């Protein structure tokens, strides 16, 4: 369970960093730029810890899939970027794939 908590925090750090990347305006704004560096550093550090327990393919699939979906939601809510039906369908498939991987695969650590 601790592994998945660390993975969740890594995902949140990556989402914060990616969201701040747009706000950094090519690293010309100090605070968002700092969030990018700290967020990605934290995300990769915590992701590396989870690899002691989770297979790399599983950990990365969860990290990138959930992160992608959350960044899309942040873009929609914070940056007012629209999501059309195919985007919503694709994000739903990403989430469904992550759930199948975790709930039914024997390669995921349970």
Protein backbone atom coordinates (compact mmCIF):
# COMPACT_ATOMS: atom_id res chain seq x y z
CA UNK A 1 0.00 0.00 0.00
CA UNK A 2 2.88 2.37 0.76
CA UNK A 3 4.15 1.85 -2.79
CA UNK A 4 0.86 3.01 -4.30
CA UNK A 5 0.76 6.03 -1.98
CA UNK A 6 4.25 7.03 -3.14
CA UNK A 7 3.19 6.48 -6.74
CA UNK A 8 0.12 8.67 -6.19
CA UNK A 9 2.27 11.47 -4.72
CA UNK A 10 4.67 11.09 -7.69
CA UNK A 11 1.71 11.48 -10.06
CA UNK A 12 0.47 14.59 -8.24
CA UNK A 13 3.99 16.11 -8.34
CA UNK A 14 4.20 15.40 -12.07
CA UNK A 15 0.78 16.95 -12.69
CA UNK A 16 1.75 20.08 -10.72
CA UNK A 17 5.03 20.32 -12.66
CA UNK A 18 3.39 19.83 -16.04
CA UNK A 19 0.67 22.35 -15.24
CA UNK A 20 3.27 24.86 -14.07
CA UNK A 21 5.25 24.31 -17.28
CA UNK A 22 2.62 26.22 -19.24
CA UNK A 23 2.47 28.95 -16.58
CA UNK A 24 6.28 29.31 -16.59
CA UNK A 25 6.08 30.95 -20.03
CA UNK A 26 9.33 29.42 -21.31
CA UNK A 27 10.91 29.64 -17.85
CA UNK A 28 10.59 33.44 -17.73
CA UNK A 29 8.40 33.41 -14.61
CA UNK A 30 10.33 32.37 -11.47
CA UNK A 31 7.63 30.75 -9.31
CA UNK A 32 6.08 28.50 -11.97
CA UNK A 33 9.60 27.64 -13.18
CA UNK A 34 10.57 26.59 -9.65
CA UNK A 35 7.41 24.45 -9.43
CA UNK A 36 8.42 22.71 -12.67
CA UNK A 37 11.90 21.81 -11.41
CA UNK A 38 10.79 20.79 -7.90
CA UNK A 39 7.73 18.95 -9.18
CA UNK A 40 9.56 16.86 -11.78
CA UNK A 41 12.43 16.16 -9.39
CA UNK A 42 10.00 14.96 -6.74
CA UNK A 43 8.00 12.94 -9.25
CA UNK A 44 11.01 11.07 -10.64
CA UNK A 45 12.51 10.49 -7.19
CA UNK A 46 9.29 9.00 -5.84
CA UNK A 47 8.72 7.01 -9.02
CA UNK A 48 12.19 5.51 -8.64
CA UNK A 49 11.34 4.38 -5.10
CA UNK A 50 8.20 2.60 -6.31
CA UNK A 51 10.35 0.57 -8.72
CA UNK A 52 11.72 -1.38 -5.77
CA UNK A 53 8.31 -3.05 -5.52
CA UNK A 54 6.45 -2.52 -8.80
CA UNK A 55 7.62 -3.71 -12.21
CA UNK A 56 8.78 -0.73 -14.28
CA UNK A 57 6.15 -1.31 -16.96
CA UNK A 58 3.32 -1.31 -14.45
CA UNK A 59 4.60 1.68 -12.49
CA UNK A 60 5.19 3.74 -15.62
CA UNK A 61 1.85 2.78 -17.14
CA UNK A 62 0.03 3.94 -14.02
CA UNK A 63 2.18 7.06 -13.61
CA UNK A 64 1.89 8.21 -17.20
CA UNK A 65 -1.74 7.16 -17.73
CA UNK A 66 -3.19 8.70 -14.61
CA UNK A 67 -0.90 11.73 -15.00
CA UNK A 68 -2.07 12.28 -18.57
CA UNK A 69 -5.72 12.12 -17.54
CA UNK A 70 -5.19 14.49 -14.61
CA UNK A 71 -3.23 16.99 -16.70
CA UNK A 72 -6.10 17.01 -19.21
CA UNK A 73 -8.54 17.72 -16.37
CA UNK A 74 -6.30 20.51 -15.02
CA UNK A 75 -6.06 21.98 -18.52
CA UNK A 76 -9.83 21.87 -18.80
CA UNK A 77 -10.51 23.36 -15.36
CA UNK A 78 -7.64 25.82 -14.91
CA UNK A 79 -6.61 26.78 -18.43
CA UNK A 80 -10.12 26.53 -19.90
CA UNK A 81 -8.97 24.13 -22.63
CA UNK A 82 -11.84 22.25 -24.17
CA UNK A 83 -12.14 18.48 -24.29
CA UNK A 84 -14.17 17.07 -27.16
CA UNK A 85 -15.87 13.68 -27.19
CA UNK A 86 -12.90 11.77 -28.67
CA UNK A 87 -10.60 13.28 -26.00
CA UNK A 88 -12.99 12.28 -23.23
CA UNK A 89 -13.32 8.79 -24.72
CA UNK A 90 -9.53 8.46 -24.95
CA UNK A 91 -9.06 9.58 -21.35
CA UNK A 92 -11.73 7.13 -20.25
CA UNK A 93 -9.87 4.33 -22.03
CA UNK A 94 -6.62 5.34 -20.30
CA UNK A 95 -8.32 5.17 -16.91
CA UNK A 96 -10.00 1.87 -17.78
CA UNK A 97 -6.66 0.41 -18.88
CA UNK A 98 -5.03 1.49 -15.64
CA UNK A 99 -7.82 -0.13 -13.64
CA UNK A 100 -7.61 -3.39 -15.62
CA UNK A 101 -3.85 -3.45 -15.14
CA UNK A 102 -4.17 -3.00 -11.38
CA UNK A 103 -7.21 -5.12 -10.68
CA UNK A 104 -6.68 -8.10 -12.97
CA UNK A 105 -3.04 -8.35 -14.00
CA UNK A 106 -0.73 -10.74 -12.19
CA UNK A 107 2.27 -8.49 -12.88
CA UNK A 108 0.99 -5.68 -10.65
CA UNK A 109 1.95 -5.90 -6.98
CA UNK A 110 -1.17 -6.55 -4.90
